[in-house]
Protein backbone atom coordinates (compact mmCIF):
# COMPACT_ATOMS: atom_id res chain seq x y z
CA MET A 1 35.18 -17.49 0.12
CA ASN A 2 33.19 -18.80 2.83
CA ALA A 3 33.05 -17.67 6.10
CA PHE A 4 35.43 -20.31 7.62
CA GLN A 5 37.70 -19.45 5.39
CA GLY A 6 37.78 -15.79 5.63
CA ILE A 7 38.14 -16.55 9.09
CA THR A 8 41.26 -18.58 8.93
CA GLU A 9 43.17 -15.56 7.15
CA PHE A 10 43.07 -13.84 10.32
CA MET A 11 43.66 -16.72 12.71
CA ASP A 12 46.03 -19.55 12.86
CA SER A 13 44.22 -22.57 11.94
CA TYR A 14 45.21 -24.60 15.23
CA ILE A 15 43.61 -21.54 17.41
CA LEU A 16 40.75 -21.28 15.34
CA GLY A 17 40.40 -25.35 15.41
CA VAL A 18 40.55 -25.54 19.24
CA LEU A 19 37.79 -22.38 19.33
CA ILE A 20 35.40 -24.64 17.14
CA SER A 21 35.95 -27.63 19.34
CA LEU A 22 35.07 -25.49 22.85
CA GLY A 23 32.20 -24.45 21.06
CA ILE A 24 31.02 -27.90 20.30
CA GLY A 25 31.81 -29.23 23.90
CA LEU A 26 30.13 -26.39 25.28
CA ILE A 27 27.06 -27.07 23.24
CA ILE A 28 27.01 -30.75 24.42
CA GLY A 29 27.93 -30.07 27.87
CA LEU A 30 25.53 -27.30 28.71
CA GLU A 31 22.69 -29.60 28.11
CA ARG A 32 24.31 -32.57 30.43
CA GLU A 33 25.03 -29.68 32.78
CA TYR A 34 21.28 -28.92 33.10
CA ASP A 35 20.44 -32.69 33.28
CA LYS A 36 22.91 -32.91 36.27
CA LEU A 37 21.13 -30.27 38.15
CA LYS A 38 17.49 -32.21 37.44
CA GLU A 39 18.59 -35.51 38.37
CA GLU A 40 21.32 -34.62 40.87
CA LYS A 41 24.07 -37.03 39.35
CA GLY A 42 26.20 -37.33 36.48
CA ILE A 43 29.56 -37.71 35.62
CA ALA A 44 30.60 -34.75 33.27
CA GLY A 45 29.02 -31.26 32.47
CA ILE A 46 29.99 -28.11 30.69
CA ARG A 47 33.81 -28.04 32.06
CA THR A 48 34.26 -32.07 30.77
CA PHE A 49 33.14 -31.77 27.03
CA PRO A 50 34.79 -28.83 25.75
CA ILE A 51 38.10 -30.60 27.21
CA VAL A 52 37.10 -33.83 26.00
CA ALA A 53 36.33 -32.25 22.37
CA ILE A 54 39.68 -30.13 22.31
CA LEU A 55 41.64 -33.32 23.48
CA GLY A 56 40.11 -34.91 20.59
CA PHE A 57 41.44 -32.25 18.10
CA SER A 58 44.72 -31.83 19.29
CA LEU A 59 45.56 -35.83 19.63
CA ALA A 60 44.54 -35.81 15.88
CA ASN A 61 46.70 -32.64 15.09
CA LEU A 62 50.04 -34.53 16.84
CA THR A 63 49.11 -37.94 14.94
CA ALA A 64 50.90 -36.56 11.70
CA LEU A 65 53.67 -35.76 13.74
CA TYR A 66 54.03 -38.92 15.38
CA THR A 67 52.08 -41.85 14.77
CA PRO A 68 48.97 -43.08 12.75
CA TRP A 69 48.42 -45.01 15.70
CA LEU A 70 48.11 -42.35 18.07
CA LEU A 71 44.49 -41.07 17.90
CA SER A 72 43.41 -44.83 17.25
CA ILE A 73 44.94 -46.00 20.88
CA SER A 74 44.31 -42.47 22.57
CA LEU A 75 40.12 -42.93 21.36
CA GLY A 76 40.33 -46.55 22.51
CA ALA A 77 42.10 -45.95 26.17
CA PHE A 78 39.21 -43.19 26.29
CA ILE A 79 36.36 -45.33 25.66
CA LEU A 80 38.40 -48.04 28.12
CA PHE A 81 38.44 -45.14 30.99
CA LEU A 82 34.71 -44.44 30.80
CA ALA A 83 34.02 -48.00 31.13
CA PHE A 84 35.57 -48.33 33.84
CA HIS A 85 33.92 -45.51 35.50
CA TYR A 86 30.99 -46.56 34.32
CA PHE A 87 30.82 -50.04 35.73
CA VAL A 88 32.00 -48.42 39.51
CA GLN A 89 28.88 -46.59 39.34
CA GLU A 90 26.13 -47.30 41.66
CA LYS A 91 23.42 -48.82 40.16
CA GLU A 92 20.85 -45.98 39.88
CA GLU A 93 23.15 -43.97 38.10
CA TYR A 94 23.96 -46.50 35.17
CA SER A 95 21.44 -44.90 32.65
CA GLN A 96 22.15 -41.76 32.96
CA GLY A 97 26.28 -42.50 33.01
CA LEU A 98 25.64 -44.42 29.58
CA THR A 99 23.90 -41.59 27.93
CA THR A 100 26.86 -39.16 29.31
CA ASN A 101 29.57 -41.65 28.35
CA LEU A 102 28.29 -41.98 24.56
CA ALA A 103 27.99 -38.41 24.67
CA LEU A 104 31.51 -37.81 25.69
CA ILE A 105 32.66 -40.32 23.16
CA ALA A 106 31.08 -38.47 19.94
CA THR A 107 32.36 -35.20 21.40
CA PHE A 108 36.19 -36.66 21.04
CA VAL A 109 35.18 -37.88 17.71
CA LEU A 110 33.71 -34.55 16.78
CA GLY A 111 37.39 -32.87 18.19
CA ILE A 112 38.63 -35.28 15.70
CA MET A 113 36.52 -34.05 12.58
CA VAL A 114 37.41 -30.64 13.52
CA SER A 115 41.03 -31.33 12.92
CA ALA A 116 39.84 -32.79 9.63
CA GLU A 117 38.42 -29.44 8.78
CA TYR A 118 34.79 -30.84 8.78
CA TYR A 119 33.62 -27.82 10.48
CA ARG A 120 30.09 -27.53 9.71
CA ASP A 121 29.66 -31.22 9.57
CA ALA A 122 30.96 -31.49 13.15
CA VAL A 123 29.08 -28.39 14.25
CA ALA A 124 25.68 -29.57 12.85
CA THR A 125 26.43 -33.00 14.50
CA ALA A 126 26.94 -31.32 17.61
CA VAL A 127 23.36 -29.92 17.32
CA ILE A 128 21.60 -32.95 16.18
CA ILE A 129 23.43 -34.59 19.20
CA VAL A 130 22.35 -32.02 21.97
CA THR A 131 18.81 -31.70 20.53
CA LEU A 132 18.32 -36.07 21.41
CA LEU A 133 19.73 -35.28 24.61
CA SER A 134 17.49 -32.29 25.54
CA LEU A 135 14.15 -34.36 24.46
CA LYS A 136 14.75 -37.10 26.67
CA THR A 137 11.54 -35.83 28.86
CA ARG A 138 9.40 -35.10 25.57
CA PHE A 139 10.22 -38.76 24.15
CA ARG A 140 9.63 -40.55 27.45
CA SER A 141 6.06 -39.07 27.72
CA PHE A 142 5.41 -39.38 23.79
CA ILE A 143 6.36 -43.40 24.39
CA SER A 144 4.38 -43.78 27.37
CA ASN A 145 1.20 -42.73 25.55
CA ILE A 146 1.85 -45.05 22.78
CA THR A 147 -0.29 -48.21 22.70
CA SER A 148 0.79 -51.58 21.62
CA GLU A 149 -1.25 -51.24 18.49
CA GLU A 150 0.69 -48.06 17.37
CA LEU A 151 4.26 -49.57 17.99
CA PHE A 152 3.22 -52.75 15.89
CA ALA A 153 2.31 -49.95 13.47
CA PHE A 154 5.40 -48.14 13.33
CA ILE A 155 7.42 -51.64 13.30
CA LYS A 156 5.37 -52.50 10.13
CA PHE A 157 5.99 -49.28 8.02
CA SER A 158 9.65 -49.49 8.81
CA ILE A 159 9.75 -52.50 7.68
CA ILE A 160 7.68 -51.55 4.69
CA ALA A 161 9.71 -48.76 4.24
CA LEU A 162 13.30 -49.62 4.85
CA LEU A 163 13.23 -53.28 4.08
CA ILE A 164 10.88 -53.92 1.34
CA LEU A 165 10.94 -50.79 -0.59
CA PRO A 166 14.39 -50.98 -1.53
CA PHE A 167 14.26 -54.28 -2.77
CA LEU A 168 11.54 -54.02 -5.17
CA PRO A 169 12.75 -53.96 -8.95
CA ASN A 170 12.77 -50.57 -10.26
CA LYS A 171 11.61 -51.64 -13.70
CA THR A 172 8.75 -50.80 -15.98
CA PHE A 173 6.74 -53.75 -17.54
CA GLY A 174 3.31 -54.18 -18.82
CA THR A 175 1.19 -52.00 -21.20
CA ASN A 176 3.18 -48.99 -22.32
CA ASN A 177 5.39 -50.15 -19.57
CA LEU A 178 3.11 -48.70 -17.14
CA LEU A 179 3.58 -50.72 -14.17
CA ASN A 180 6.85 -50.46 -11.82
CA PRO A 181 6.96 -52.21 -8.49
CA PHE A 182 9.46 -49.90 -7.11
CA GLU A 183 7.34 -46.86 -7.93
CA ILE A 184 4.16 -48.37 -6.66
CA GLY A 185 5.81 -49.10 -3.68
CA SER A 186 7.36 -46.00 -3.37
CA ILE A 187 3.67 -44.42 -3.75
CA ILE A 188 2.19 -46.54 -1.02
CA VAL A 189 4.80 -45.39 1.70
CA ILE A 190 4.36 -41.77 0.90
CA VAL A 191 0.87 -42.06 1.36
CA SER A 192 1.32 -44.34 4.33
CA PHE A 193 3.90 -41.81 5.60
CA LEU A 194 1.42 -39.11 5.51
CA ASN A 195 -1.72 -40.86 6.84
CA PHE A 196 0.64 -42.28 10.01
CA ILE A 197 1.92 -38.62 10.59
CA GLY A 198 -1.68 -37.18 10.72
CA TYR A 199 -2.44 -39.99 12.90
CA PHE A 200 -0.31 -38.98 15.61
CA LEU A 201 -0.60 -35.32 15.11
CA VAL A 202 -4.43 -36.13 15.98
CA LYS A 203 -3.61 -38.35 19.08
CA PHE A 204 -1.46 -35.81 20.87
CA VAL A 205 -2.30 -32.66 19.50
CA GLY A 206 -5.58 -32.43 18.39
CA SER A 207 -7.61 -34.95 20.52
CA LYS A 208 -10.03 -33.00 22.80
CA LYS A 209 -8.41 -29.68 22.08
CA GLY A 210 -11.59 -28.62 20.35
CA ILE A 211 -13.57 -29.27 17.12
CA ILE A 212 -11.66 -27.21 14.78
CA LEU A 213 -8.11 -27.97 15.74
CA THR A 214 -9.24 -31.49 15.56
CA ALA A 215 -11.06 -30.97 12.33
CA ILE A 216 -7.32 -29.76 10.95
CA LEU A 217 -5.37 -32.52 12.20
CA GLY A 218 -8.05 -35.40 11.04
CA GLY A 219 -8.02 -33.49 7.68
CA LEU A 220 -4.73 -34.69 7.07
CA ILE A 221 -5.71 -38.32 7.26
CA SER A 222 -9.12 -37.89 5.90
CA SER A 223 -11.58 -35.36 5.44
CA THR A 224 -13.99 -37.74 4.87
CA ALA A 225 -13.47 -39.66 8.02
CA VAL A 226 -14.08 -35.95 9.49
CA ALA A 227 -17.46 -35.55 7.63
CA TRP A 228 -18.74 -38.69 8.91
CA ASN A 229 -17.90 -38.33 12.45
CA TYR A 230 -18.96 -34.53 12.76
CA ALA A 231 -21.97 -35.06 10.36
CA SER A 232 -23.24 -37.86 13.25
CA ARG A 233 -22.32 -35.70 15.95
CA SER A 234 -24.18 -32.81 14.20
CA LYS A 235 -27.60 -34.88 14.53
CA GLU A 236 -27.17 -36.01 18.08
CA SER A 237 -26.52 -32.12 19.42
CA PRO A 238 -27.87 -29.86 16.62
CA GLU A 239 -27.29 -26.71 19.02
CA LEU A 240 -23.31 -27.06 17.77
CA SER A 241 -24.17 -27.48 14.32
CA LYS A 242 -22.21 -24.35 13.51
CA LYS A 243 -19.10 -25.56 14.83
CA TYR A 244 -19.57 -29.04 13.43
CA SER A 245 -20.15 -27.63 10.06
CA ALA A 246 -17.30 -25.44 10.27
CA GLY A 247 -14.97 -28.60 11.29
CA ILE A 248 -16.48 -30.18 8.37
CA ILE A 249 -15.56 -27.89 5.87
CA VAL A 250 -11.84 -26.78 7.33
CA ALA A 251 -11.00 -30.49 7.24
CA SER A 252 -11.92 -30.22 3.55
CA ALA A 253 -9.64 -27.16 3.46
CA ILE A 254 -6.63 -29.21 4.26
CA MET A 255 -7.04 -31.61 1.07
CA PHE A 256 -6.27 -29.16 -1.12
CA PRO A 257 -2.73 -28.30 0.13
CA ARG A 258 -2.20 -31.92 0.78
CA LEU A 259 -3.18 -32.88 -2.71
CA ALA A 260 -0.64 -29.95 -4.45
CA LEU A 261 1.96 -31.33 -2.09
CA LEU A 262 1.19 -34.95 -3.39
CA ALA A 263 1.15 -33.51 -6.91
CA TYR A 264 4.37 -31.80 -6.23
CA ILE A 265 6.11 -34.80 -5.22
CA PHE A 266 5.85 -36.66 -7.85
CA ASN A 267 5.77 -33.38 -10.76
CA LEU A 268 6.91 -30.22 -9.35
CA GLU A 269 6.18 -28.43 -12.62
CA ILE A 270 2.11 -29.39 -12.01
CA LEU A 271 2.15 -27.08 -8.90
CA LYS A 272 2.12 -23.95 -11.04
CA TYR A 273 -0.89 -25.20 -12.51
CA LEU A 274 -2.95 -26.19 -9.37
CA VAL A 275 -1.50 -22.75 -6.70
CA LEU A 276 -4.49 -20.33 -8.13
CA PRO A 277 -7.60 -22.79 -8.53
CA PHE A 278 -6.53 -24.62 -5.30
CA GLY A 279 -5.78 -21.49 -3.74
CA LEU A 280 -9.04 -19.99 -4.21
CA LEU A 281 -10.84 -23.47 -3.40
CA THR A 282 -8.97 -23.27 0.03
CA LEU A 283 -9.69 -19.60 0.90
CA VAL A 284 -13.47 -20.39 0.43
CA CYS A 285 -13.08 -22.81 2.96
CA ILE A 286 -11.16 -20.77 5.10
CA ILE A 287 -13.48 -18.16 5.10
CA ALA A 288 -16.76 -20.43 5.28
CA THR A 289 -15.32 -21.66 8.35
CA LEU A 290 -14.55 -18.07 9.78
CA ILE A 291 -18.10 -17.22 9.56
CA LEU A 292 -18.97 -20.20 11.37
CA MET A 293 -16.66 -20.04 14.14
CA HIS A 294 -18.14 -18.31 17.19
CA LYS A 295 -17.12 -18.32 21.29
CA ASP A 296 -18.67 -21.46 22.67
CA ASP A 297 -18.01 -22.38 26.15
CA ASN A 298 -19.11 -26.23 25.58
CA LYS A 299 -16.58 -28.46 24.94
CA PRO A 300 -17.86 -31.28 23.65
CA ASP A 301 -16.20 -34.82 23.26
CA THR A 302 -13.98 -34.33 19.63
CA ASP A 303 -11.99 -37.72 19.59
CA ILE A 304 -12.24 -39.02 15.65
CA LYS A 305 -11.86 -42.72 15.87
CA LEU A 306 -9.61 -42.92 12.73
CA GLY A 307 -8.80 -46.64 13.24
CA ASN A 308 -5.56 -48.30 13.17
CA PRO A 309 -2.54 -45.67 11.82
CA LEU A 310 -1.15 -48.16 9.29
CA ASN A 311 -3.46 -50.98 8.10
CA ILE A 312 -1.27 -53.14 5.32
CA LEU A 313 -4.73 -54.60 3.75
CA ASN A 314 -5.36 -50.52 3.35
CA ALA A 315 -2.20 -49.90 2.19
CA ILE A 316 -1.95 -52.75 -0.42
CA GLY A 317 -5.52 -51.59 -1.29
CA PHE A 318 -4.37 -48.26 -2.20
CA GLY A 319 -1.92 -49.51 -4.52
CA VAL A 320 -4.39 -51.99 -6.64
CA MET A 321 -6.55 -48.77 -6.89
CA TYR A 322 -3.71 -46.67 -7.73
CA VAL A 323 -3.10 -49.39 -10.59
CA VAL A 324 -6.85 -49.47 -11.94
CA ILE A 325 -6.71 -45.83 -12.05
CA LEU A 326 -3.35 -45.60 -14.00
CA PHE A 327 -5.07 -48.00 -16.50
CA ALA A 328 -7.97 -46.44 -16.84
CA VAL A 329 -6.17 -42.98 -16.91
CA PHE A 330 -4.40 -44.51 -19.63
CA TYR A 331 -6.98 -46.39 -21.85
CA SER A 332 -9.77 -43.78 -21.04
CA HIS A 333 -7.42 -40.90 -22.81
CA GLN A 334 -6.28 -43.73 -25.40
CA PHE A 335 -10.27 -44.13 -26.64
CA PHE A 336 -12.03 -41.24 -25.54
CA GLY A 337 -9.27 -38.53 -25.61
CA GLU A 338 -9.53 -35.76 -22.88
CA SER A 339 -13.21 -36.44 -22.03
CA GLY A 340 -12.01 -39.92 -21.14
CA LEU A 341 -9.19 -38.35 -18.27
CA TYR A 342 -12.18 -36.63 -16.76
CA TYR A 343 -14.50 -39.52 -16.52
CA SER A 344 -12.02 -41.34 -14.54
CA ALA A 345 -11.58 -38.30 -12.25
CA LEU A 346 -15.10 -38.29 -11.61
CA ILE A 347 -15.22 -42.12 -10.72
CA ALA A 348 -12.10 -42.15 -8.99
CA GLY A 349 -13.00 -38.95 -7.10
CA LEU A 350 -16.13 -40.90 -5.26
CA ALA A 351 -13.66 -43.07 -3.32
CA ASP A 352 -10.14 -41.08 -3.15
CA THR A 353 -8.35 -37.93 -4.56
CA ASP A 354 -4.70 -39.00 -3.94
CA ALA A 355 -4.41 -42.07 -6.53
CA ILE A 356 -5.69 -39.53 -9.23
CA THR A 357 -3.22 -36.95 -8.23
CA ILE A 358 -0.63 -39.07 -8.09
CA SER A 359 -1.66 -40.96 -11.41
CA MET A 360 -2.27 -37.48 -13.16
CA ALA A 361 0.76 -35.74 -11.94
CA LYS A 362 3.24 -38.78 -13.49
CA PHE A 363 0.77 -38.30 -16.87
CA SER A 364 1.91 -35.16 -17.20
CA LEU A 365 5.66 -35.52 -16.57
CA ASP A 366 6.52 -34.98 -20.13
CA ASN A 367 5.30 -30.78 -19.53
CA THR A 368 2.78 -31.19 -22.24
CA LYS A 369 -0.39 -31.85 -20.69
CA LEU A 370 0.40 -29.77 -17.25
CA GLU A 371 -3.08 -27.73 -18.09
CA LEU A 372 -5.06 -30.71 -18.56
CA ALA A 373 -3.49 -33.12 -15.70
CA ALA A 374 -4.52 -29.93 -13.45
CA SER A 375 -8.09 -29.68 -14.44
CA VAL A 376 -8.58 -33.42 -14.12
CA ILE A 377 -7.11 -33.27 -10.58
CA ILE A 378 -9.52 -31.03 -9.78
CA THR A 379 -12.99 -33.11 -11.17
CA ALA A 380 -11.58 -35.03 -8.65
CA THR A 381 -11.75 -33.07 -5.94
CA ILE A 382 -15.02 -31.70 -7.09
CA SER A 383 -16.50 -35.24 -6.96
CA ASN A 384 -15.02 -35.87 -3.84
CA MET A 385 -16.86 -32.68 -2.46
CA LEU A 386 -20.07 -34.06 -3.61
CA VAL A 387 -19.32 -37.12 -1.93
CA LYS A 388 -18.98 -35.55 1.74
CA LEU A 389 -21.94 -33.33 0.75
CA GLY A 390 -24.00 -36.49 0.38
CA ILE A 391 -22.79 -37.53 3.79
CA THR A 392 -23.78 -34.65 5.70
CA VAL A 393 -26.68 -34.04 4.02
CA PHE A 394 -28.14 -37.59 5.08
CA LYS A 395 -26.15 -38.46 8.52
CA GLY A 396 -25.83 -34.28 9.90
CA SER A 397 -28.52 -32.18 11.20
CA LYS A 398 -30.74 -30.07 8.62
CA ALA A 399 -28.98 -27.05 9.81
CA THR A 400 -25.36 -28.58 9.25
CA GLY A 401 -26.38 -30.08 5.72
CA LYS A 402 -27.72 -26.72 4.88
CA LEU A 403 -24.55 -24.77 5.78
CA VAL A 404 -21.85 -27.17 4.53
CA ALA A 405 -23.95 -26.92 1.21
CA LEU A 406 -23.57 -23.60 0.77
CA ALA A 407 -19.52 -24.06 1.41
CA PHE A 408 -19.41 -26.97 -0.82
CA GLY A 409 -21.83 -25.68 -3.49
CA SER A 410 -19.25 -22.19 -3.93
CA VAL A 411 -16.33 -24.46 -3.99
CA ILE A 412 -17.84 -27.10 -6.68
CA LEU A 413 -19.19 -23.84 -8.60
CA ILE A 414 -16.00 -22.47 -8.94
CA GLY A 415 -13.98 -25.71 -9.63
CA ILE A 416 -16.74 -26.28 -12.70
CA ILE A 417 -15.92 -22.48 -13.87
CA TYR A 418 -12.12 -22.84 -14.09
CA ILE A 419 -12.14 -26.34 -15.56
CA LEU A 420 -14.49 -24.78 -18.22
CA ILE A 421 -12.33 -22.00 -18.47
CA ASN A 422 -9.23 -24.01 -19.23
CA ARG A 423 -10.82 -26.61 -21.62
CA GLY A 424 -12.45 -23.28 -23.82
């Protein structure tokens, strides 16, 4: 028995509907009333919205007694009334009145939903509506800081995700049915989405907020990019070597949960084999970061130049690389057995860890090679850590190179030991 069924045993269903409609109206009306106080204008508030919700509920109940057209006529008359009121307002009230009018119509419809006993759906919808209404100021602030390049990137991403992807054929073909256009497109969209979110986190949260925070957020996009930038800056400002070293290390720590999430998306069973090793490797990086972190009054520029939030050529390039790695994993396993998979991981990790992680997650979907797949993914991360270590040593200050080498060396050693134990 759910909560609503229990309540209806003690209360008449009509009164219950009125109370729920009242609550929905109060939720939305409270936000509109608060907005009226700030803007010093508005047509409806904390009293009007509950009345509208109850009105919609009551008319929907009366429909069964009179005519099915009662509700349609009432809703149409209500919309006409609001339209008339909207057009007779002063020009400066137009935008505020339009939003409130739409909210009133939605509240009327929610009252109808309550009459149909869609209680939870109506309440959940009301919460979503009031959330959108209350975020007006933040939306404006966010949009005012978006560049035209970022706007077009968002449009391009929407086209790829909503217009192109759904129409790709979901069929397999090629050697051993390895190729599936829809799956390849989905992988490109998922990885692009993670990078897209990470880009805006850096832009709106991490930029100029500190080396460590920027590194954490930058690690969501590319820990290699963080290593490249911070290594260069450590050479320019050797006195900040510890800070920049901590940034490089913590950005790399983000790689492990990020890859775990990617693996989980494509094969949830593999996660249990990655939790322990990835947990240990993340912990080593975090401990090293905490040791290196010290209070510092200096606030150097910590912007990371991560380029376009959505580069279509890069996205397509990732798809091509994924397909190449997919075939490399298949053929290396065919001709060289398990050893071939490790060779593929070492090569793939030099450029990117996402593609090999997704490939191995899909490779172990039959749940018979989960341990092997996890070890291959760890091998790819070791290869990638070596690349970032090389970048830091050659581009960074001597102190940064030594500090990062100690942390990354520990990570690489633990990873190798874990792989050897599993293979043994």
